[in-house]
Amino acid sequence: MFIKSHHKFHNKILIMNNNYQPVNNVKHGQTKLKSINTFQHVASVNNVLILMQEFVKAANEMPIIFIKNPESGVFQSVAVTGLELNENLFVKNDVWQGAYIPGSVNLYPFALKKLPSENQEKVSRLGFFIDEESTRVNDSEGIALFDNDGKETKTLAGYRVGITQYHKDQLATDEFVDFLVDQELLTECAYSYQNSGLNAQITDIYIIDINKINALTSEKYLELRQKGYLEYIYAQLLSFHQFDILAKRKQS
């Protein structure tokens, strides 16, 4: 008789311990970024945020699912990196083992975050931040963020461009997920696998329901196609078999 164990997928804080500060040439004039990218910051997370624009590439290596925030009820698309809590099967000795690195992982230690409001209307603005507690951030080794004149180096400018584009893609992904939710195209499911001779199961995960896609009215299906969502939908559906690959990776 097998003992059944299971765990639920919930939203995870990607960076567990951080100290994000706005990037500026006064505070970070001497700051450097080590050239060797380590992935210690995600070594203990079993899912990471994935954007729809990444679905096709990510689907070749990892399952793409949707998870629901238990507090807000908001859905997010994530790539599964581990089958248990605090497990990332794509990170070994702080090195990423896969061919594709999700943008949410690769753009660290930088992020776009809300700046403190400086006006009466309290209109939030986004700023370019850096996690000062990252092991890559220091004052002595690596590539400088600013030159001697206080201007951004190509490295920092590249990250700023990448983060800005990522934010735009995130907004488009939010619209995509909202469309799926509004049209009730997501269905809850589970994944079962063998873990050290025991039956294990992951619950509270959602995927796109192909039957509901096929049942859409011609008008709604045309809208879905015109929005360019079809390739992302099929990429997500095809990615589900990567759960089996993850299970094999876990056993190896």
Foldseek 3Di string as FASTA:
>chain_A
DFDEAEDEDADDDQADDFDKDFDFCVVQVLKFFAPDQFQPRRQFAQKDAAFLVCLQVLLVAFAWWWFAHPPPRAIGIITTQARDGGHGLQHDPRDGNDPDDGPRRVLPPKAWDWDAADDPVRDTDIGIIGGCPDPRMDRPDHHGQADPVRHGDPVVVVSVVSNVVVVVSVVLRSVVSVLCVVLVQKDWDKDWDADPNHIYMYGRIIAGDVVSLVVDDPVVVVVCVVSVNVVSNVSNVSSPCSVVVNRVSVVD
